[in-house]
Amino acid sequence: MIQDIGSGLNENRKGFRKILREVSKGKIRRIVAEYKDRITRFGFDTFASYCSGFGTEVVILEKDKEKKFEQELTEDMISLVTSYSARFYGRRGGRNRHAK
């Protein structure tokens, strides 16, 4: 079992990269996630298609209700701003701790 904890915006997660490698080797038959944006915030359909090409089923437990385009876009923009703000302020905070 591979567990991955991190932002769906970050495609460079250790667990996510391992999943891609294992799928390409035919070692994973099913991927289960609570929500599709836990796997990847953008490009989920591409990810699912990639997996399908290697015979891997992607199962999403909590299907989102159909959202209007504007609502989904707004949520995506908020996620991006939140993620990049956390990176920016986290990096700055690390510099401040080392400067003391």
PDB file of N, CA and C in Angstrom:
ATOM      1  N   MET A   1       0.844  -1.172   0.000  1.00  0.00           N
ATOM      2  CA  MET A   1       0.000   0.000   0.000  1.00  0.00           C
ATOM      3  C   MET A   1       0.894   1.241   0.000  1.00  0.00           C
ATOM      4  N   ILE A   2       0.555   2.192  -0.848  1.00  0.00           N
ATOM      5  CA  ILE A   2       1.269   3.460  -0.899  1.00  0.00           C
ATOM      6  C   ILE A   2       0.339   4.533  -0.355  1.00  0.00           C
ATOM      7  N   GLN A   3       0.799   5.260   0.645  1.00  0.00           N
ATOM      8  CA  GLN A   3       0.039   6.381   1.165  1.00  0.00           C
ATOM      9  C   GLN A   3       0.812   7.642   0.857  1.00  0.00           C
ATOM     10  N   ASP A   4       0.094   8.662   0.460  1.00  0.00           N
ATOM     11  CA  ASP A   4       0.744   9.918   0.102  1.00  0.00           C
ATOM     12  C   ASP A   4       0.006  11.054   0.778  1.00  0.00           C
ATOM     13  N   ILE A   5       0.755  11.847   1.519  1.00  0.00           N
ATOM     14  CA  ILE A   5       0.164  13.000   2.194  1.00  0.00           C
ATOM     15  C   ILE A   5       0.825  14.245   1.630  1.00  0.00           C
ATOM     16  N   GLY A   6       0.026  15.157   1.134  1.00  0.00           N
ATOM     17  CA  GLY A   6       0.565  16.391   0.570  1.00  0.00           C
ATOM     18  C   GLY A   6      -0.480  17.060  -0.300  1.00  0.00           C
ATOM     19  N   SER A   7      -0.123  18.188  -0.821  1.00  0.00           N
ATOM     20  CA  SER A   7      -1.040  18.957  -1.642  1.00  0.00           C
ATOM     21  C   SER A   7      -1.194  18.341  -3.027  1.00  0.00           C
ATOM     22  N   GLY A   8      -2.425  18.296  -3.504  1.00  0.00           N
ATOM     23  CA  GLY A   8      -2.690  17.838  -4.866  1.00  0.00           C
ATOM     24  C   GLY A   8      -2.105  18.767  -5.912  1.00  0.00           C
ATOM     25  N   LEU A   9      -1.676  19.954  -5.483  1.00  0.00           N
ATOM     26  CA  LEU A   9      -1.022  20.889  -6.402  1.00  0.00           C
ATOM     27  C   LEU A   9       0.428  20.492  -6.657  1.00  0.00           C
ATOM     28  N   ASN A  10       1.010  19.742  -5.743  1.00  0.00           N
ATOM     29  CA  ASN A  10       2.410  19.363  -5.838  1.00  0.00           C
ATOM     30  C   ASN A  10       2.538  18.020  -6.557  1.00  0.00           C
ATOM     31  N   GLU A  11       2.971  18.046  -7.800  1.00  0.00           N
ATOM     32  CA  GLU A  11       3.136  16.808  -8.566  1.00  0.00           C
ATOM     33  C   GLU A  11       4.467  16.136  -8.281  1.00  0.00           C
ATOM     34  N   ASN A  12       5.272  16.732  -7.428  1.00  0.00           N
ATOM     35  CA  ASN A  12       6.591  16.208  -7.126  1.00  0.00           C
ATOM     36  C   ASN A  12       6.617  15.470  -5.782  1.00  0.00           C
ATOM     37  N   ARG A  13       5.431  15.050  -5.312  1.00  0.00           N
ATOM     38  CA  ARG A  13       5.346  14.317  -4.055  1.00  0.00           C
ATOM     39  C   ARG A  13       5.982  12.939  -4.229  1.00  0.00           C
ATOM     40  N   LYS A  14       6.694  12.505  -3.216  1.00  0.00           N
ATOM     41  CA  LYS A  14       7.386  11.218  -3.253  1.00  0.00           C
ATOM     42  C   LYS A  14       6.407  10.058  -3.540  1.00  0.00           C
ATOM     43  N   GLY A  15       5.297  10.052  -2.822  1.00  0.00           N
ATOM     44  CA  GLY A  15       4.316   8.981  -3.003  1.00  0.00           C
ATOM     45  C   GLY A  15       3.663   9.018  -4.378  1.00  0.00           C
ATOM     46  N   PHE A  16       3.373  10.210  -4.885  1.00  0.00           N
ATOM     47  CA  PHE A  16       2.746  10.350  -6.201  1.00  0.00           C
ATOM     48  C   PHE A  16       3.681   9.826  -7.291  1.00  0.00           C
ATOM     49  N   ARG A  17       4.961  10.177  -7.202  1.00  0.00           N
ATOM     50  CA  ARG A  17       5.934   9.699  -8.193  1.00  0.00           C
ATOM     51  C   ARG A  17       6.060   8.177  -8.132  1.00  0.00           C
ATOM     52  N   LYS A  18       6.013   7.621  -6.935  1.00  0.00           N
ATOM     53  CA  LYS A  18       6.094   6.165  -6.780  1.00  0.00           C
ATOM     54  C   LYS A  18       4.869   5.494  -7.398  1.00  0.00           C
ATOM     55  N   ILE A  19       3.706   6.088  -7.202  1.00  0.00           N
ATOM     56  CA  ILE A  19       2.484   5.545  -7.803  1.00  0.00           C
ATOM     57  C   ILE A  19       2.619   5.513  -9.322  1.00  0.00           C
ATOM     58  N   LEU A  20       3.105   6.599  -9.923  1.00  0.00           N
ATOM     59  CA  LEU A  20       3.274   6.634 -11.378  1.00  0.00           C
ATOM     60  C   LEU A  20       4.227   5.537 -11.852  1.00  0.00           C
ATOM     61  N   ARG A  21       5.339   5.352 -11.147  1.00  0.00           N
ATOM     62  CA  ARG A  21       6.303   4.304 -11.520  1.00  0.00           C
ATOM     63  C   ARG A  21       5.681   2.917 -11.411  1.00  0.00           C
ATOM     64  N   GLU A  22       4.991   2.664 -10.312  1.00  0.00           N
ATOM     65  CA  GLU A  22       4.404   1.345 -10.083  1.00  0.00           C
ATOM     66  C   GLU A  22       3.272   1.053 -11.076  1.00  0.00           C
ATOM     67  N   VAL A  23       2.484   2.078 -11.412  1.00  0.00           N
ATOM     68  CA  VAL A  23       1.421   1.901 -12.414  1.00  0.00           C
ATOM     69  C   VAL A  23       2.040   1.508 -13.750  1.00  0.00           C
ATOM     70  N   SER A  24       3.117   2.187 -14.140  1.00  0.00           N
ATOM     71  CA  SER A  24       3.750   1.908 -15.439  1.00  0.00           C
ATOM     72  C   SER A  24       4.354   0.509 -15.504  1.00  0.00           C
ATOM     73  N   LYS A  25       4.654  -0.076 -14.353  1.00  0.00           N
ATOM     74  CA  LYS A  25       5.188  -1.440 -14.298  1.00  0.00           C
ATOM     75  C   LYS A  25       4.077  -2.484 -14.181  1.00  0.00           C
ATOM     76  N   GLY A  26       2.826  -2.025 -14.100  1.00  0.00           N
ATOM     77  CA  GLY A  26       1.698  -2.944 -13.972  1.00  0.00           C
ATOM     78  C   GLY A  26       1.557  -3.540 -12.590  1.00  0.00           C
ATOM     79  N   LYS A  27       2.120  -2.892 -11.574  1.00  0.00           N
ATOM     80  CA  LYS A  27       2.100  -3.433 -10.219  1.00  0.00           C
ATOM     81  C   LYS A  27       0.910  -2.958  -9.379  1.00  0.00           C
ATOM     82  N   ILE A  28       0.145  -2.004  -9.886  1.00  0.00           N
ATOM     83  CA  ILE A  28      -0.996  -1.483  -9.135  1.00  0.00           C
ATOM     84  C   ILE A  28      -2.272  -1.742  -9.938  1.00  0.00           C
ATOM     85  N   ARG A  29      -3.213  -2.436  -9.316  1.00  0.00           N
ATOM     86  CA  ARG A  29      -4.480  -2.722  -9.998  1.00  0.00           C
ATOM     87  C   ARG A  29      -5.550  -1.679  -9.705  1.00  0.00           C
ATOM     88  N   ARG A  30      -5.472  -1.063  -8.509  1.00  0.00           N
ATOM     89  CA  ARG A  30      -6.512  -0.103  -8.130  1.00  0.00           C
ATOM     90  C   ARG A  30      -5.914   1.007  -7.265  1.00  0.00           C
ATOM     91  N   ILE A  31      -6.331   2.244  -7.551  1.00  0.00           N
ATOM     92  CA  ILE A  31      -5.959   3.393  -6.739  1.00  0.00           C
ATOM     93  C   ILE A  31      -7.253   3.929  -6.140  1.00  0.00           C
ATOM     94  N   VAL A  32      -7.259   4.096  -4.817  1.00  0.00           N
ATOM     95  CA  VAL A  32      -8.453   4.576  -4.121  1.00  0.00           C
ATOM     96  C   VAL A  32      -8.109   5.888  -3.428  1.00  0.00           C
ATOM     97  N   ALA A  33      -8.966   6.880  -3.639  1.00  0.00           N
ATOM     98  CA  ALA A  33      -8.797   8.181  -2.982  1.00  0.00           C
ATOM     99  C   ALA A  33     -10.157   8.670  -2.519  1.00  0.00           C
ATOM    100  N   GLU A  34     -10.144   9.439  -1.460  1.00  0.00           N
ATOM    101  CA  GLU A  34     -11.401   9.976  -0.945  1.00  0.00           C
ATOM    102  C   GLU A  34     -12.003  10.968  -1.939  1.00  0.00           C
ATOM    103  N   TYR A  35     -11.189  11.918  -2.413  1.00  0.00           N
ATOM    104  CA  TYR A  35     -11.624  12.906  -3.399  1.00  0.00           C
ATOM    105  C   TYR A  35     -10.603  12.943  -4.525  1.00  0.00           C
ATOM    106  N   LYS A  36     -11.051  13.243  -5.736  1.00  0.00           N
ATOM    107  CA  LYS A  36     -10.122  13.227  -6.869  1.00  0.00           C
ATOM    108  C   LYS A  36      -9.038  14.288  -6.750  1.00  0.00           C
ATOM    109  N   ASP A  37      -9.321  15.410  -6.091  1.00  0.00           N
ATOM    110  CA  ASP A  37      -8.290  16.442  -5.978  1.00  0.00           C
ATOM    111  C   ASP A  37      -7.229  16.091  -4.936  1.00  0.00           C
ATOM    112  N   ARG A  38      -7.382  14.963  -4.239  1.00  0.00           N
ATOM    113  CA  ARG A  38      -6.334  14.491  -3.333  1.00  0.00           C
ATOM    114  C   ARG A  38      -5.196  13.861  -4.129  1.00  0.00           C
ATOM    115  N   ILE A  39      -5.521  13.369  -5.306  1.00  0.00           N
ATOM    116  CA  ILE A  39      -4.494  12.787  -6.169  1.00  0.00           C
ATOM    117  C   ILE A  39      -3.773  13.895  -6.914  1.00  0.00           C
ATOM    118  N   THR A  40      -4.523  14.686  -7.624  1.00  0.00           N
ATOM    119  CA  THR A  40      -3.969  15.821  -8.351  1.00  0.00           C
ATOM    120  C   THR A  40      -5.051  16.871  -8.499  1.00  0.00           C
ATOM    121  N   ARG A  41      -4.701  18.098  -8.218  1.00  0.00           N
ATOM    122  CA  ARG A  41      -5.701  19.171  -8.269  1.00  0.00           C
ATOM    123  C   ARG A  41      -6.096  19.480  -9.705  1.00  0.00           C
ATOM    124  N   PHE A  42      -5.130  19.413 -10.607  1.00  0.00           N
ATOM    125  CA  PHE A  42      -5.381  19.659 -12.026  1.00  0.00           C
ATOM    126  C   PHE A  42      -4.940  18.429 -12.807  1.00  0.00           C
ATOM    127  N   GLY A  43      -5.604  18.150 -13.894  1.00  0.00           N
ATOM    128  CA  GLY A  43      -5.191  17.042 -14.750  1.00  0.00           C
ATOM    129  C   GLY A  43      -5.623  15.674 -14.265  1.00  0.00           C
ATOM    130  N   PHE A  44      -6.681  15.610 -13.466  1.00  0.00           N
ATOM    131  CA  PHE A  44      -7.128  14.305 -12.964  1.00  0.00           C
ATOM    132  C   PHE A  44      -7.516  13.375 -14.104  1.00  0.00           C
ATOM    133  N   ASP A  45      -8.218  13.892 -15.104  1.00  0.00           N
ATOM    134  CA  ASP A  45      -8.643  13.039 -16.217  1.00  0.00           C
ATOM    135  C   ASP A  45      -7.441  12.456 -16.957  1.00  0.00           C
ATOM    136  N   THR A  46      -6.378  13.230 -17.092  1.00  0.00           N
ATOM    137  CA  THR A  46      -5.151  12.737 -17.725  1.00  0.00           C
ATOM    138  C   THR A  46      -4.531  11.632 -16.875  1.00  0.00           C
ATOM    139  N   PHE A  47      -4.495  11.847 -15.560  1.00  0.00           N
ATOM    140  CA  PHE A  47      -3.962  10.842 -14.641  1.00  0.00           C
ATOM    141  C   PHE A  47      -4.772   9.543 -14.744  1.00  0.00           C
ATOM    142  N   ALA A  48      -6.095   9.659 -14.717  1.00  0.00           N
ATOM    143  CA  ALA A  48      -6.958   8.475 -14.789  1.00  0.00           C
ATOM    144  C   ALA A  48      -6.778   7.747 -16.119  1.00  0.00           C
ATOM    145  N   SER A  49      -6.632   8.492 -17.199  1.00  0.00           N
ATOM    146  CA  SER A  49      -6.412   7.893 -18.511  1.00  0.00           C
ATOM    147  C   SER A  49      -5.071   7.163 -18.557  1.00  0.00           C
ATOM    148  N   TYR A  50      -4.036   7.773 -17.990  1.00  0.00           N
ATOM    149  CA  TYR A  50      -2.712   7.153 -17.904  1.00  0.00           C
ATOM    150  C   TYR A  50      -2.822   5.809 -17.181  1.00  0.00           C
ATOM    151  N   CYS A  51      -3.484   5.831 -16.030  1.00  0.00           N
ATOM    152  CA  CYS A  51      -3.637   4.611 -15.237  1.00  0.00           C
ATOM    153  C   CYS A  51      -4.414   3.548 -16.010  1.00  0.00           C
ATOM    154  N   SER A  52      -5.476   3.964 -16.654  1.00  0.00           N
ATOM    155  CA  SER A  52      -6.306   3.039 -17.425  1.00  0.00           C
ATOM    156  C   SER A  52      -5.495   2.350 -18.524  1.00  0.00           C
ATOM    157  N   GLY A  53      -4.568   3.077 -19.130  1.00  0.00           N
ATOM    158  CA  GLY A  53      -3.725   2.515 -20.173  1.00  0.00           C
ATOM    159  C   GLY A  53      -2.858   1.364 -19.686  1.00  0.00           C
ATOM    160  N   PHE A  54      -2.606   1.298 -18.390  1.00  0.00           N
ATOM    161  CA  PHE A  54      -1.818   0.218 -17.794  1.00  0.00           C
ATOM    162  C   PHE A  54      -2.700  -0.765 -17.024  1.00  0.00           C
ATOM    163  N   GLY A  55      -4.024  -0.634 -17.194  1.00  0.00           N
ATOM    164  CA  GLY A  55      -4.951  -1.548 -16.542  1.00  0.00           C
ATOM    165  C   GLY A  55      -5.218  -1.258 -15.083  1.00  0.00           C
ATOM    166  N   THR A  56      -4.966  -0.028 -14.652  1.00  0.00           N
ATOM    167  CA  THR A  56      -5.180   0.372 -13.255  1.00  0.00           C
ATOM    168  C   THR A  56      -6.486   1.140 -13.141  1.00  0.00           C
ATOM    169  N   GLU A  57      -7.315   0.712 -12.219  1.00  0.00           N
ATOM    170  CA  GLU A  57      -8.597   1.376 -11.968  1.00  0.00           C
ATOM    171  C   GLU A  57      -8.400   2.481 -10.931  1.00  0.00           C
ATOM    172  N   VAL A  58      -9.009   3.633 -11.168  1.00  0.00           N
ATOM    173  CA  VAL A  58      -8.960   4.734 -10.202  1.00  0.00           C
ATOM    174  C   VAL A  58     -10.357   4.876  -9.607  1.00  0.00           C
ATOM    175  N   VAL A  59     -10.451   4.710  -8.282  1.00  0.00           N
ATOM    176  CA  VAL A  59     -11.732   4.760  -7.582  1.00  0.00           C
ATOM    177  C   VAL A  59     -11.756   5.993  -6.682  1.00  0.00           C
ATOM    178  N   ILE A  60     -12.778   6.807  -6.838  1.00  0.00           N
ATOM    179  CA  ILE A  60     -12.971   7.988  -5.998  1.00  0.00           C
ATOM    180  C   ILE A  60     -14.179   7.711  -5.109  1.00  0.00           C
ATOM    181  N   LEU A  61     -13.969   7.763  -3.798  1.00  0.00           N
ATOM    182  CA  LEU A  61     -15.026   7.404  -2.854  1.00  0.00           C
ATOM    183  C   LEU A  61     -16.104   8.465  -2.727  1.00  0.00           C
ATOM    184  N   GLU A  62     -15.724   9.725  -2.654  1.00  0.00           N
ATOM    185  CA  GLU A  62     -16.690  10.808  -2.482  1.00  0.00           C
ATOM    186  C   GLU A  62     -16.806  11.584  -3.785  1.00  0.00           C
ATOM    187  N   LYS A  63     -17.839  11.313  -4.514  1.00  0.00           N
ATOM    188  CA  LYS A  63     -18.062  12.032  -5.769  1.00  0.00           C
ATOM    189  C   LYS A  63     -18.608  13.415  -5.454  1.00  0.00           C
ATOM    190  N   ASP A  64     -17.966  14.416  -6.020  1.00  0.00           N
ATOM    191  CA  ASP A  64     -18.448  15.783  -5.844  1.00  0.00           C
ATOM    192  C   ASP A  64     -19.719  15.976  -6.650  1.00  0.00           C
ATOM    193  N   LYS A  65     -20.597  16.807  -6.144  1.00  0.00           N
ATOM    194  CA  LYS A  65     -21.759  17.200  -6.929  1.00  0.00           C
ATOM    195  C   LYS A  65     -21.248  18.016  -8.101  1.00  0.00           C
ATOM    196  N   GLU A  66     -21.987  17.998  -9.171  1.00  0.00           N
ATOM    197  CA  GLU A  66     -21.598  18.812 -10.319  1.00  0.00           C
ATOM    198  C   GLU A  66     -21.559  20.271  -9.905  1.00  0.00           C
ATOM    199  N   LYS A  67     -20.443  20.918 -10.189  1.00  0.00           N
ATOM    200  CA  LYS A  67     -20.280  22.325  -9.827  1.00  0.00           C
ATOM    201  C   LYS A  67     -20.327  23.163 -11.086  1.00  0.00           C
ATOM    202  N   LYS A  68     -20.775  24.388 -10.909  1.00  0.00           N
ATOM    203  CA  LYS A  68     -20.725  25.328 -12.014  1.00  0.00           C
ATOM    204  C   LYS A  68     -19.272  25.664 -12.291  1.00  0.00           C
ATOM    205  N   PHE A  69     -18.984  26.003 -13.531  1.00  0.00           N
ATOM    206  CA  PHE A  69     -17.620  26.343 -13.932  1.00  0.00           C
ATOM    207  C   PHE A  69     -17.039  27.427 -13.040  1.00  0.00           C
ATOM    208  N   GLU A  70     -17.817  28.467 -12.773  1.00  0.00           N
ATOM    209  CA  GLU A  70     -17.336  29.586 -11.977  1.00  0.00           C
ATOM    210  C   GLU A  70     -16.978  29.157 -10.560  1.00  0.00           C
ATOM    211  N   GLN A  71     -17.787  28.273  -9.965  1.00  0.00           N
ATOM    212  CA  GLN A  71     -17.524  27.799  -8.613  1.00  0.00           C
ATOM    213  C   GLN A  71     -16.241  26.976  -8.582  1.00  0.00           C
ATOM    214  N   GLU A  72     -16.063  26.094  -9.554  1.00  0.00           N
ATOM    215  CA  GLU A  72     -14.863  25.272  -9.599  1.00  0.00           C
ATOM    216  C   GLU A  72     -13.622  26.127  -9.836  1.00  0.00           C
ATOM    217  N   LEU A  73     -13.716  27.105 -10.720  1.00  0.00           N
ATOM    218  CA  LEU A  73     -12.588  27.996 -10.994  1.00  0.00           C
ATOM    219  C   LEU A  73     -12.213  28.789  -9.741  1.00  0.00           C
ATOM    220  N   THR A  74     -13.211  29.284  -9.040  1.00  0.00           N
ATOM    221  CA  THR A  74     -12.960  30.039  -7.809  1.00  0.00           C
ATOM    222  C   THR A  74     -12.255  29.167  -6.778  1.00  0.00           C
ATOM    223  N   GLU A  75     -12.708  27.942  -6.589  1.00  0.00           N
ATOM    224  CA  GLU A  75     -12.072  27.036  -5.633  1.00  0.00           C
ATOM    225  C   GLU A  75     -10.633  26.737  -6.034  1.00  0.00           C
ATOM    226  N   ASP A  76     -10.391  26.540  -7.332  1.00  0.00           N
ATOM    227  CA  ASP A  76      -9.034  26.279  -7.815  1.00  0.00           C
ATOM    228  C   ASP A  76      -8.120  27.476  -7.557  1.00  0.00           C
ATOM    229  N   MET A  77      -8.624  28.675  -7.801  1.00  0.00           N
ATOM    230  CA  MET A  77      -7.808  29.881  -7.590  1.00  0.00           C
ATOM    231  C   MET A  77      -7.490  30.060  -6.105  1.00  0.00           C
ATOM    232  N   ILE A  78      -8.455  29.813  -5.245  1.00  0.00           N
ATOM    233  CA  ILE A  78      -8.220  29.917  -3.802  1.00  0.00           C
ATOM    234  C   ILE A  78      -7.180  28.893  -3.362  1.00  0.00           C
ATOM    235  N   SER A  79      -7.255  27.696  -3.893  1.00  0.00           N
ATOM    236  CA  SER A  79      -6.273  26.662  -3.556  1.00  0.00           C
ATOM    237  C   SER A  79      -4.871  27.060  -3.987  1.00  0.00           C
ATOM    238  N   LEU A  80      -4.767  27.628  -5.185  1.00  0.00           N
ATOM    239  CA  LEU A  80      -3.452  28.067  -5.674  1.00  0.00           C
ATOM    240  C   LEU A  80      -2.868  29.165  -4.803  1.00  0.00           C
ATOM    241  N   VAL A  81      -3.664  30.171  -4.507  1.00  0.00           N
ATOM    242  CA  VAL A  81      -3.188  31.283  -3.688  1.00  0.00           C
ATOM    243  C   VAL A  81      -2.786  30.782  -2.293  1.00  0.00           C
ATOM    244  N   THR A  82      -3.588  29.921  -1.709  1.00  0.00           N
ATOM    245  CA  THR A  82      -3.291  29.371  -0.384  1.00  0.00           C
ATOM    246  C   THR A  82      -1.980  28.586  -0.399  1.00  0.00           C
ATOM    247  N   SER A  83      -1.817  27.735  -1.405  1.00  0.00           N
ATOM    248  CA  SER A  83      -0.617  26.917  -1.495  1.00  0.00           C
ATOM    249  C   SER A  83       0.642  27.758  -1.675  1.00  0.00           C
ATOM    250  N   TYR A  84       0.598  28.706  -2.590  1.00  0.00           N
ATOM    251  CA  TYR A  84       1.777  29.527  -2.843  1.00  0.00           C
ATOM    252  C   TYR A  84       2.063  30.482  -1.683  1.00  0.00           C
ATOM    253  N   SER A  85       1.036  30.956  -1.015  1.00  0.00           N
ATOM    254  CA  SER A  85       1.249  31.800   0.158  1.00  0.00           C
ATOM    255  C   SER A  85       1.932  31.011   1.264  1.00  0.00           C
ATOM    256  N   ALA A  86       1.491  29.781   1.465  1.00  0.00           N
ATOM    257  CA  ALA A  86       2.104  28.936   2.493  1.00  0.00           C
ATOM    258  C   ALA A  86       3.569  28.675   2.170  1.00  0.00           C
ATOM    259  N   ARG A  87       3.868  28.427   0.912  1.00  0.00           N
ATOM    260  CA  ARG A  87       5.271  28.210   0.522  1.00  0.00           C
ATOM    261  C   ARG A  87       6.096  29.466   0.754  1.00  0.00           C
ATOM    262  N   PHE A  88       5.569  30.604   0.322  1.00  0.00           N
ATOM    263  CA  PHE A  88       6.294  31.856   0.441  1.00  0.00           C
ATOM    264  C   PHE A  88       6.565  32.201   1.897  1.00  0.00           C
ATOM    265  N   TYR A  89       5.519  32.170   2.717  1.00  0.00           N
ATOM    266  CA  TYR A  89       5.684  32.549   4.111  1.00  0.00           C
ATOM    267  C   TYR A  89       6.448  31.491   4.895  1.00  0.00           C
ATOM    268  N   GLY A  90       6.318  30.236   4.519  1.00  0.00           N
ATOM    269  CA  GLY A  90       7.093  29.182   5.168  1.00  0.00           C
ATOM    270  C   GLY A  90       8.574  29.335   4.878  1.00  0.00           C
ATOM    271  N   ARG A  91       8.910  29.663   3.654  1.00  0.00           N
ATOM    272  CA  ARG A  91      10.306  29.853   3.272  1.00  0.00           C
ATOM    273  C   ARG A  91      10.896  31.052   3.997  1.00  0.00           C
ATOM    274  N   ARG A  92      10.129  32.134   4.041  1.00  0.00           N
ATOM    275  CA  ARG A  92      10.593  33.344   4.717  1.00  0.00           C
ATOM    276  C   ARG A  92      10.787  33.076   6.201  1.00  0.00           C
ATOM    277  N   GLY A  93       9.865  32.319   6.798  1.00  0.00           N
ATOM    278  CA  GLY A  93       9.978  31.989   8.219  1.00  0.00           C
ATOM    279  C   GLY A  93      11.228  31.185   8.512  1.00  0.00           C
ATOM    280  N   GLY A  94      11.594  30.284   7.614  1.00  0.00           N
ATOM    281  CA  GLY A  94      12.813  29.501   7.780  1.00  0.00           C
ATOM    282  C   GLY A  94      14.052  30.376   7.732  1.00  0.00           C
ATOM    283  N   ARG A  95      14.058  31.367   6.860  1.00  0.00           N
ATOM    284  CA  ARG A  95      15.193  32.290   6.771  1.00  0.00           C
ATOM    285  C   ARG A  95      15.327  33.073   8.069  1.00  0.00           C
ATOM    286  N   ASN A  96      14.201  33.504   8.612  1.00  0.00           N
ATOM    287  CA  ASN A  96      14.230  34.287   9.849  1.00  0.00           C
ATOM    288  C   ASN A  96      14.751  33.467  11.021  1.00  0.00           C
ATOM    289  N   ARG A  97      14.426  32.184  11.090  1.00  0.00           N
ATOM    290  CA  ARG A  97      14.895  31.340  12.187  1.00  0.00           C
ATOM    291  C   ARG A  97      16.407  31.132  12.104  1.00  0.00           C
ATOM    292  N   HIS A  98      16.925  30.985  10.873  1.00  0.00           N
ATOM    293  CA  HIS A  98      18.356  30.755  10.705  1.00  0.00           C
ATOM    294  C   HIS A  98      19.174  32.022  10.919  1.00  0.00           C
ATOM    295  N   ALA A  99      18.557  33.160  10.764  1.00  0.00           N
ATOM    296  CA  ALA A  99      19.277  34.434  10.900  1.00  0.00           C
ATOM    297  C   ALA A  99      19.565  34.763  12.361  1.00  0.00           C
ATOM    298  N   LYS A 100      18.839  34.157  13.281  1.00  0.00           N
ATOM    299  CA  LYS A 100      19.001  34.491  14.708  1.00  0.00           C
ATOM    300  C   LYS A 100      20.253  33.890  15.295  1.00  0.00           C
TER     301      LYS A 100
END
